[in-house]
Amino acid sequence: MKEILFIKKMFLSGLVFVFMSSVSDTLMAQNLDQLKLMKQFTGTWRANTGSDTAQVWDFKLYGSQAFVVEVTQMIKDKEIPVSFNSISYDPITSKFYGFTLLFGANYGTWIGSFTSEAKFQGDMLYNFNPQPIYGRLENTFLNPKEWIWTGYNNEGVKFLELHFVKIE
């Protein structure tokens, strides 16, 4: 009987810990200046993806609470369009909503926010619907001129990591 009570106490303690961690992360994200942190991305960024290949992101402020990002692939100095992204900030939810138009008419949507001064996390979604999540993205600033983009599938397995360096 004592063992069952001990197990129940441990289980309830674990639930309380998980709940408090979740609430703490949410409150922490809401206290961050999301727009100021997102502005760190403005500029032109390059990630080498092969010996003669790189991905270039040109990230611009669009008004006061939105951003546009043009993504190109450079192969031996030949520029190939990859995607055009629009990102809008919602001050009520303290989240960014992103729409990615891939070259050739496919698209993706995501919702995310900064969870710390250096880390942005987002959920890749179908038409902004919160469920199901088909992947996650994470951007981690190493310093003002470097950051890492990491993509995870819906099972949490990393499928891509790009190391960006600011070139403009």
Protein backbone atom coordinates (compact mmCIF):
# COMPACT_ATOMS: atom_id res chain seq x y z
CA MET A 1 0.00 0.00 0.00
CA LYS A 2 2.84 2.39 0.88
CA GLU A 3 4.44 1.61 -2.50
CA ILE A 4 1.25 2.60 -4.34
CA LEU A 5 1.00 5.87 -2.39
CA PHE A 6 4.68 6.58 -3.15
CA ILE A 7 4.14 5.91 -6.88
CA LYS A 8 1.05 8.15 -6.91
CA LYS A 9 2.97 10.96 -5.18
CA MET A 10 5.85 10.64 -7.64
CA PHE A 11 3.43 10.64 -10.59
CA LEU A 12 1.58 13.72 -9.31
CA SER A 13 4.89 15.49 -8.57
CA GLY A 14 5.98 14.76 -12.13
CA LEU A 15 2.74 16.15 -13.55
CA VAL A 16 3.07 19.32 -11.46
CA PHE A 17 6.69 19.73 -12.61
CA VAL A 18 5.75 19.33 -16.29
CA PHE A 19 2.84 21.76 -15.92
CA MET A 20 4.95 24.37 -14.11
CA SER A 21 7.73 24.04 -16.70
CA SER A 22 5.22 24.58 -19.49
CA VAL A 23 3.67 27.61 -17.79
CA SER A 24 7.11 29.02 -16.99
CA ASP A 25 8.26 28.70 -20.64
CA THR A 26 5.08 30.39 -21.85
CA LEU A 27 5.40 33.28 -19.41
CA MET A 28 9.08 33.66 -20.25
CA ALA A 29 8.31 33.86 -24.00
CA GLN A 30 5.61 36.46 -23.34
CA ASN A 31 8.08 38.65 -21.43
CA LEU A 32 10.55 38.70 -24.34
CA ASP A 33 10.46 41.55 -26.86
CA GLN A 34 9.54 39.29 -29.77
CA LEU A 35 9.77 41.97 -32.49
CA LYS A 36 13.15 43.21 -31.30
CA LEU A 37 14.49 39.66 -31.27
CA MET A 38 13.09 38.91 -34.75
CA LYS A 39 14.83 42.01 -36.10
CA GLN A 40 18.13 40.20 -35.45
CA PHE A 41 17.40 38.28 -38.65
CA THR A 42 17.28 41.36 -40.90
CA GLY A 43 20.04 41.30 -43.48
CA THR A 44 21.43 38.78 -45.93
CA TRP A 45 22.53 35.39 -44.62
CA ARG A 46 24.42 32.54 -46.30
CA ALA A 47 24.62 28.85 -45.39
CA ASN A 48 27.03 26.66 -47.35
CA THR A 49 25.29 23.40 -48.23
CA GLY A 50 27.93 21.81 -50.49
CA SER A 51 31.25 22.49 -52.16
CA ASP A 52 29.78 24.88 -54.76
CA THR A 53 26.33 25.33 -53.24
CA ALA A 54 24.85 27.74 -50.70
CA GLN A 55 21.45 28.88 -49.54
CA VAL A 56 20.98 32.66 -49.22
CA TRP A 57 18.24 34.28 -47.13
CA ASP A 58 17.50 37.98 -47.69
CA PHE A 59 15.48 38.97 -44.60
CA LYS A 60 13.75 42.39 -44.58
CA LEU A 61 11.47 44.30 -42.25
CA TYR A 62 8.10 44.92 -43.93
CA GLY A 63 6.27 47.70 -42.07
CA SER A 64 6.48 47.65 -38.28
CA GLN A 65 5.37 44.10 -37.41
CA ALA A 66 6.09 41.98 -40.47
CA PHE A 67 9.01 40.55 -42.40
CA VAL A 68 9.65 39.14 -45.85
CA VAL A 69 12.36 36.64 -46.68
CA GLU A 70 13.53 35.71 -50.17
CA VAL A 71 15.42 32.41 -50.25
CA THR A 72 17.68 31.45 -53.15
CA GLN A 73 20.04 28.58 -53.84
CA MET A 74 23.44 29.49 -55.26
CA ILE A 75 25.05 26.79 -57.37
CA LYS A 76 28.40 27.81 -58.86
CA ASP A 77 27.30 31.49 -58.75
CA LYS A 78 23.99 30.70 -60.50
CA GLU A 79 20.99 31.93 -58.50
CA ILE A 80 17.95 29.62 -58.30
CA PRO A 81 14.75 30.71 -56.48
CA VAL A 82 13.70 28.50 -53.57
CA SER A 83 10.95 30.33 -51.66
CA PHE A 84 9.40 33.61 -50.64
CA ASN A 85 8.28 33.96 -47.04
CA SER A 86 5.97 36.40 -45.32
CA ILE A 87 6.06 36.61 -41.54
CA SER A 88 3.59 38.55 -39.45
CA TYR A 89 3.61 39.18 -35.71
CA ASP A 90 0.45 38.91 -33.61
CA PRO A 91 0.86 40.96 -30.39
CA ILE A 92 -2.16 39.25 -28.78
CA THR A 93 -0.59 35.77 -28.93
CA SER A 94 3.04 37.02 -28.93
CA LYS A 95 3.66 34.70 -31.88
CA PHE A 96 4.83 34.97 -35.46
CA TYR A 97 2.80 33.46 -38.29
CA GLY A 98 4.80 32.45 -41.36
CA PHE A 99 3.66 31.60 -44.87
CA THR A 100 6.27 30.05 -47.18
CA LEU A 101 5.57 30.01 -50.91
CA LEU A 102 7.91 27.50 -52.49
CA PHE A 103 9.04 28.01 -56.07
CA GLY A 104 6.61 25.98 -58.17
CA ALA A 105 3.50 26.85 -56.08
CA ASN A 106 3.72 24.50 -53.08
CA TYR A 107 3.49 26.22 -49.69
CA GLY A 108 3.90 25.74 -45.97
CA THR A 109 2.77 27.53 -42.82
CA TRP A 110 4.20 27.77 -39.34
CA ILE A 111 3.65 29.50 -36.00
CA GLY A 112 6.48 30.30 -33.60
CA SER A 113 8.11 32.61 -31.09
CA PHE A 114 11.33 33.24 -29.25
CA THR A 115 11.61 31.07 -26.15
CA SER A 116 14.83 32.79 -25.05
CA GLU A 117 16.99 35.70 -26.22
CA ALA A 118 18.85 33.36 -28.59
CA LYS A 119 16.30 30.68 -29.52
CA PHE A 120 13.28 30.81 -31.84
CA GLN A 121 11.02 27.75 -32.07
CA GLY A 122 8.12 27.10 -34.39
CA ASP A 123 5.64 24.42 -35.36
CA MET A 124 5.20 23.55 -39.05
CA LEU A 125 1.48 23.25 -39.68
CA TYR A 126 -1.12 22.67 -42.37
CA ASN A 127 -2.89 26.00 -43.11
CA PHE A 128 -2.04 27.37 -39.64
CA ASN A 129 -4.13 24.65 -37.95
CA PRO A 130 -2.43 23.85 -34.62
CA GLN A 131 -2.89 20.11 -35.12
CA PRO A 132 -1.39 18.03 -36.57
CA ILE A 133 2.14 19.40 -36.36
CA TYR A 134 4.15 17.95 -39.23
CA GLY A 135 7.49 19.29 -38.05
CA ARG A 136 9.33 21.78 -35.91
CA LEU A 137 11.90 24.42 -36.66
CA GLU A 138 14.46 25.94 -34.38
CA ASN A 139 16.71 28.94 -34.98
CA THR A 140 19.53 29.45 -32.52
CA PHE A 141 21.68 32.57 -32.55
CA LEU A 142 25.31 31.87 -31.74
CA ASN A 143 26.24 35.56 -31.96
CA PRO A 144 24.90 38.60 -33.93
CA LYS A 145 26.48 37.33 -37.16
CA GLU A 146 25.76 33.57 -36.94
CA TRP A 147 22.76 31.36 -36.34
CA ILE A 148 21.70 27.78 -36.95
CA TRP A 149 18.41 26.67 -38.54
CA THR A 150 17.37 23.15 -37.54
CA GLY A 151 14.38 21.26 -38.90
CA TYR A 152 12.76 18.27 -37.17
CA ASN A 153 10.08 15.92 -38.47
CA ASN A 154 6.92 15.19 -36.47
CA GLU A 155 8.76 12.46 -34.55
CA GLY A 156 11.49 14.86 -33.43
CA VAL A 157 14.16 13.50 -35.78
CA LYS A 158 16.46 16.17 -37.20
CA PHE A 159 16.22 16.28 -41.01
CA LEU A 160 18.25 19.40 -41.79
CA GLU A 161 20.65 21.80 -40.15
CA LEU A 162 21.97 24.96 -41.80
CA HIS A 163 24.65 27.23 -40.32
CA PHE A 164 24.06 30.81 -41.46
CA VAL A 165 26.61 33.64 -41.51
CA LYS A 166 25.62 37.26 -42.10
CA ILE A 167 27.05 38.61 -45.37
CA GLU A 168 25.23 42.00 -45.47
